[in-house]
Amino acid sequence: MEMASKSLKNITLETGGKSPLLVFADSDLDEAVKWSHMGIMSNQGQICTATSRLLVQDSIYDDFVKRFVETTKTVSKVGHQWDSESYQGPQVSKQQYDRVLEYIQIGKSEGATLLSGGQPVDSSKKGFFVQPTVFGDVHHQMRVFREEIFGPVVVITKFSDEAEALKLANDTTYGLGAAVFTRDVERAHRVAAEIEAGMVWINSTQDSEPYIPFGGVKQSGIGRELGEAGLEAYSHTKSIHVNLGSRL
């Protein structure tokens, strides 16, 4: 931004996120668990739109957590990235590996409940491997709830009603992506409209198409990629006035 400001160049920025995924009590729980696992554990959690904050309605919280942890232990097999049986490969660098492990320690020290993972994987493996990690009983003021980790670490928080769900979802400096799981179509669109994010998925997460704009609000960036909106950064609006008569 500083370099662009010297010549007033247009810029497009995508600067990360801490995306929420809301699960209401009327959701298809199997689908919610499947998608929410994929939304954070894919690509070792190294996705800018990763839905790393799971907000679950209190009446189904225990059931959801049990299923989510079981799915993580069953599906998220850690191994070499070219092994067809592996789901999760290594972190991209030693620096990122250390960062993820540091945040896991922060979560423990803040009082979050470690439900699964939380350890480095066998150091004999070639690469920087971390166990897929699940924290429960997470408070919205904890750093693991508020800060982007960019790794296979997810936090799960409960909410009582729609108003609280929106308050928790929007309690972040980021606004890149979000997901809503519910069978109530009216609620889905109502909540999607109120979430402060550039992209919202309903009953899915991480869907992407080249014709749909990609980008965030708040500190998640400026401008859009993809779609017609993605061309705006490379064009200028010009007004042309034409006088077809002789009158002033």
Protein backbone atom coordinates (compact mmCIF):
# COMPACT_ATOMS: atom_id res chain seq x y z
CA MET A 1 0.00 0.00 0.00
CA GLU A 2 2.84 2.38 0.83
CA MET A 3 4.53 1.81 -2.52
CA ALA A 4 1.25 2.15 -4.42
CA SER A 5 0.39 5.37 -2.59
CA LYS A 6 3.40 7.15 -4.08
CA SER A 7 1.83 7.03 -7.52
CA LEU A 8 -1.83 6.55 -6.47
CA LYS A 9 -1.99 3.10 -8.04
CA ASN A 10 -5.10 1.00 -7.53
CA ILE A 11 -4.46 -2.09 -5.44
CA THR A 12 -6.24 -5.32 -4.64
CA LEU A 13 -5.35 -6.97 -1.35
CA GLU A 14 -6.36 -10.29 0.21
CA THR A 15 -4.92 -10.33 3.71
CA GLY A 16 -6.26 -13.41 5.47
CA GLY A 17 -9.14 -14.21 7.75
CA LYS A 18 -10.58 -15.99 10.75
CA SER A 19 -13.72 -17.28 9.13
CA PRO A 20 -16.70 -18.51 11.20
CA LEU A 21 -18.89 -21.50 10.40
CA LEU A 22 -22.30 -21.40 12.11
CA VAL A 23 -24.18 -24.62 12.83
CA PHE A 24 -27.81 -24.22 13.88
CA ALA A 25 -29.77 -26.91 15.69
CA ASP A 26 -31.89 -27.74 12.64
CA SER A 27 -28.86 -28.51 10.47
CA ASP A 28 -28.17 -31.83 8.82
CA LEU A 29 -25.50 -32.74 11.37
CA ASP A 30 -23.72 -35.28 9.19
CA GLU A 31 -23.33 -32.70 6.43
CA ALA A 32 -22.31 -29.98 8.87
CA VAL A 33 -19.58 -32.17 10.36
CA LYS A 34 -18.30 -33.28 6.95
CA TRP A 35 -18.08 -29.76 5.54
CA SER A 36 -16.75 -28.13 8.70
CA HIS A 37 -13.94 -30.70 8.88
CA MET A 38 -13.01 -30.10 5.26
CA GLY A 39 -13.25 -26.34 5.73
CA ILE A 40 -10.41 -26.22 8.25
CA MET A 41 -8.34 -29.38 7.78
CA SER A 42 -7.92 -29.27 4.00
CA ASN A 43 -4.45 -28.25 2.85
CA GLN A 44 -3.19 -28.48 6.44
CA GLY A 45 -5.38 -25.52 7.38
CA GLN A 46 -3.29 -23.30 5.12
CA ILE A 47 -6.25 -21.66 3.40
CA CYS A 48 -7.00 -17.96 3.79
CA THR A 49 -10.75 -18.67 3.91
CA ALA A 50 -10.43 -21.67 6.26
CA THR A 51 -13.47 -21.84 8.53
CA SER A 52 -11.39 -22.07 11.69
CA ARG A 53 -14.07 -20.85 14.13
CA LEU A 54 -16.96 -23.30 14.53
CA LEU A 55 -19.97 -21.73 16.24
CA VAL A 56 -22.46 -24.41 17.25
CA GLN A 57 -25.91 -23.99 18.81
CA ASP A 58 -25.84 -25.14 22.41
CA SER A 59 -28.56 -27.80 22.09
CA ILE A 60 -26.45 -29.82 19.61
CA TYR A 61 -22.99 -28.74 20.80
CA ASP A 62 -22.01 -31.98 22.55
CA ASP A 63 -23.24 -34.19 19.71
CA PHE A 64 -21.53 -32.06 17.09
CA VAL A 65 -18.23 -31.99 18.99
CA LYS A 66 -18.26 -35.76 19.44
CA ARG A 67 -18.87 -36.34 15.74
CA PHE A 68 -16.36 -33.71 14.66
CA VAL A 69 -13.57 -35.15 16.81
CA GLU A 70 -14.33 -38.67 15.57
CA THR A 71 -14.27 -37.48 11.95
CA THR A 72 -10.98 -35.67 12.48
CA LYS A 73 -9.35 -38.74 14.01
CA THR A 74 -10.70 -41.00 11.27
CA VAL A 75 -10.27 -38.85 8.16
CA SER A 76 -7.30 -36.59 8.88
CA LYS A 77 -4.55 -39.13 8.37
CA VAL A 78 -1.19 -37.33 8.51
CA GLY A 79 1.50 -38.42 6.08
CA HIS A 80 3.54 -37.62 3.00
CA GLN A 81 1.64 -35.32 0.68
CA TRP A 82 2.05 -37.70 -2.27
CA ASP A 83 0.72 -40.70 -0.34
CA SER A 84 -2.78 -41.40 -1.63
CA GLU A 85 -3.87 -42.49 1.85
CA SER A 86 -2.80 -39.20 3.46
CA TYR A 87 -5.31 -36.43 4.08
CA GLN A 88 -2.94 -33.97 5.73
CA GLY A 89 0.61 -33.22 4.68
CA PRO A 90 3.28 -30.99 6.24
CA GLN A 91 3.11 -27.29 7.03
CA VAL A 92 4.71 -25.15 4.35
CA SER A 93 7.81 -24.21 6.37
CA LYS A 94 9.59 -24.60 9.70
CA GLN A 95 8.50 -21.07 10.57
CA GLN A 96 4.83 -21.93 10.04
CA TYR A 97 5.24 -25.24 11.88
CA ASP A 98 6.63 -23.37 14.90
CA ARG A 99 3.85 -20.80 14.68
CA VAL A 100 1.13 -23.47 14.73
CA LEU A 101 2.69 -25.24 17.73
CA GLU A 102 3.03 -21.90 19.52
CA TYR A 103 -0.68 -21.18 19.07
CA ILE A 104 -1.54 -24.63 20.37
CA GLN A 105 0.37 -23.79 23.55
CA ILE A 106 -1.40 -20.44 23.71
CA GLY A 107 -4.77 -22.19 23.50
CA LYS A 108 -3.84 -24.50 26.36
CA SER A 109 -2.58 -21.63 28.51
CA GLU A 110 -5.76 -19.63 27.86
CA GLY A 111 -7.88 -22.46 29.24
CA ALA A 112 -9.35 -23.93 26.07
CA THR A 113 -10.07 -27.66 26.26
CA LEU A 114 -7.82 -29.71 23.98
CA LEU A 115 -10.15 -32.31 22.46
CA SER A 116 -7.81 -33.85 19.91
CA GLY A 117 -4.26 -33.53 18.57
CA GLY A 118 -2.05 -30.74 19.79
CA GLN A 119 1.32 -32.39 19.19
CA PRO A 120 3.98 -32.47 16.49
CA VAL A 121 4.01 -35.68 14.48
CA ASP A 122 6.93 -38.15 14.52
CA SER A 123 10.03 -36.12 13.75
CA SER A 124 11.42 -38.99 11.65
CA LYS A 125 9.00 -37.96 8.90
CA LYS A 126 10.56 -35.65 6.33
CA GLY A 127 8.62 -32.42 6.73
CA PHE A 128 6.94 -30.23 9.31
CA PHE A 129 3.92 -32.25 10.44
CA VAL A 130 1.43 -31.23 13.12
CA GLN A 131 -1.49 -33.28 14.43
CA PRO A 132 -4.91 -31.93 13.43
CA THR A 133 -5.96 -30.08 16.57
CA VAL A 134 -9.41 -29.39 18.01
CA PHE A 135 -10.13 -27.01 20.88
CA GLY A 136 -13.47 -26.83 22.68
CA ASP A 137 -14.90 -24.52 25.36
CA VAL A 138 -13.29 -21.56 23.62
CA HIS A 139 -14.14 -18.03 24.75
CA HIS A 140 -14.40 -15.21 22.23
CA GLN A 141 -11.63 -13.23 23.94
CA MET A 142 -9.04 -16.00 23.57
CA ARG A 143 -6.27 -15.41 21.04
CA VAL A 144 -6.96 -18.75 19.37
CA PHE A 145 -10.48 -17.47 18.66
CA ARG A 146 -9.37 -14.08 17.36
CA GLU A 147 -6.06 -14.55 15.54
CA GLU A 148 -5.36 -16.32 12.26
CA ILE A 149 -3.25 -19.43 12.88
CA PHE A 150 -3.07 -20.74 9.30
CA GLY A 151 -2.76 -24.35 10.31
CA PRO A 152 -4.81 -27.47 11.19
CA VAL A 153 -6.22 -25.94 14.37
CA VAL A 154 -9.94 -25.34 14.92
CA VAL A 155 -11.81 -23.79 17.83
CA ILE A 156 -15.40 -24.67 18.73
CA THR A 157 -17.70 -22.28 20.60
CA LYS A 158 -21.38 -22.58 21.48
CA PHE A 159 -24.16 -20.03 21.00
CA SER A 160 -27.73 -19.90 22.26
CA ASP A 161 -29.64 -18.09 19.51
CA GLU A 162 -29.29 -16.32 16.18
CA ALA A 163 -28.43 -12.97 17.73
CA GLU A 164 -25.55 -14.43 19.74
CA ALA A 165 -24.33 -16.39 16.73
CA LEU A 166 -24.09 -13.20 14.68
CA LYS A 167 -22.40 -11.34 17.52
CA LEU A 168 -19.72 -14.03 17.80
CA ALA A 169 -19.32 -14.36 14.03
CA ASN A 170 -18.76 -10.62 13.61
CA ASP A 171 -16.51 -10.27 16.66
CA THR A 172 -13.34 -10.17 14.57
CA THR A 173 -11.15 -7.71 12.73
CA TYR A 174 -11.37 -9.99 9.69
CA GLY A 175 -14.16 -10.46 7.19
CA LEU A 176 -13.13 -12.81 4.40
CA GLY A 177 -15.46 -15.82 4.44
CA ALA A 178 -18.20 -17.42 6.53
CA ALA A 179 -20.53 -20.42 6.36
CA VAL A 180 -24.05 -21.06 7.67
CA PHE A 181 -25.62 -24.49 8.21
CA THR A 182 -29.39 -24.66 8.64
CA ARG A 183 -32.42 -26.19 6.94
CA ASP A 184 -34.29 -22.88 7.29
CA VAL A 185 -33.72 -21.07 3.98
CA GLU A 186 -35.06 -17.75 5.27
CA ARG A 187 -32.74 -17.89 8.27
CA ALA A 188 -29.82 -18.86 6.06
CA HIS A 189 -30.21 -15.78 3.87
CA ARG A 190 -31.00 -13.52 6.81
CA VAL A 191 -27.86 -14.57 8.66
CA ALA A 192 -25.75 -14.47 5.50
CA ALA A 193 -26.82 -10.87 4.93
CA GLU A 194 -25.86 -9.86 8.48
CA ILE A 195 -22.46 -11.55 8.62
CA GLU A 196 -19.64 -9.09 7.96
CA ALA A 197 -17.77 -11.02 5.29
CA GLY A 198 -17.07 -10.76 1.59
CA MET A 199 -18.24 -14.33 0.93
CA VAL A 200 -20.78 -16.56 2.66
CA TRP A 201 -21.48 -20.22 1.95
CA ILE A 202 -24.83 -21.78 2.85
CA ASN A 203 -24.65 -25.48 3.79
CA SER A 204 -21.15 -25.79 2.33
CA THR A 205 -17.75 -24.13 2.62
CA GLN A 206 -14.78 -23.30 0.37
CA ASP A 207 -16.82 -23.48 -2.84
CA SER A 208 -15.22 -21.31 -5.52
CA GLU A 209 -16.03 -20.51 -9.13
CA PRO A 210 -14.05 -18.26 -11.49
CA TYR A 211 -17.13 -16.15 -12.26
CA ILE A 212 -17.93 -15.41 -8.59
CA PRO A 213 -16.05 -12.51 -6.93
CA PHE A 214 -13.55 -13.45 -4.23
CA GLY A 215 -12.49 -11.00 -1.52
CA GLY A 216 -13.13 -9.69 1.96
CA VAL A 217 -14.07 -6.72 4.10
CA LYS A 218 -12.58 -5.13 7.21
CA GLN A 219 -8.94 -6.19 7.58
CA SER A 220 -9.31 -9.08 5.16
CA GLY A 221 -8.52 -6.92 2.17
CA ILE A 222 -9.48 -4.43 -0.50
CA GLY A 223 -11.11 -5.12 -3.84
CA ARG A 224 -12.06 -8.39 -5.49
CA GLU A 225 -10.51 -11.14 -7.55
CA LEU A 226 -12.44 -13.24 -10.10
CA GLY A 227 -15.73 -12.45 -11.79
CA GLU A 228 -16.54 -9.13 -13.46
CA ALA A 229 -15.76 -7.37 -10.18
CA GLY A 230 -12.20 -8.69 -10.42
CA LEU A 231 -11.64 -6.61 -13.57
CA GLU A 232 -12.39 -3.33 -11.82
CA ALA A 233 -8.87 -3.01 -10.43
CA TYR A 234 -7.54 -3.04 -14.00
CA SER A 235 -9.93 -0.50 -15.47
CA HIS A 236 -11.07 3.08 -14.98
CA THR A 237 -14.49 4.67 -15.30
CA LYS A 238 -14.63 7.37 -17.97
CA SER A 239 -17.52 9.78 -18.55
CA ILE A 240 -18.04 11.13 -22.10
CA HIS A 241 -20.41 14.07 -22.60
CA VAL A 242 -21.87 14.57 -26.09
CA ASN A 243 -23.61 17.76 -27.22
CA LEU A 244 -25.83 17.03 -30.23
CA GLY A 245 -27.32 20.51 -30.44
CA SER A 246 -26.19 24.11 -30.74
CA ARG A 247 -27.64 25.37 -27.46
CA LEU A 248 -25.68 26.18 -24.35
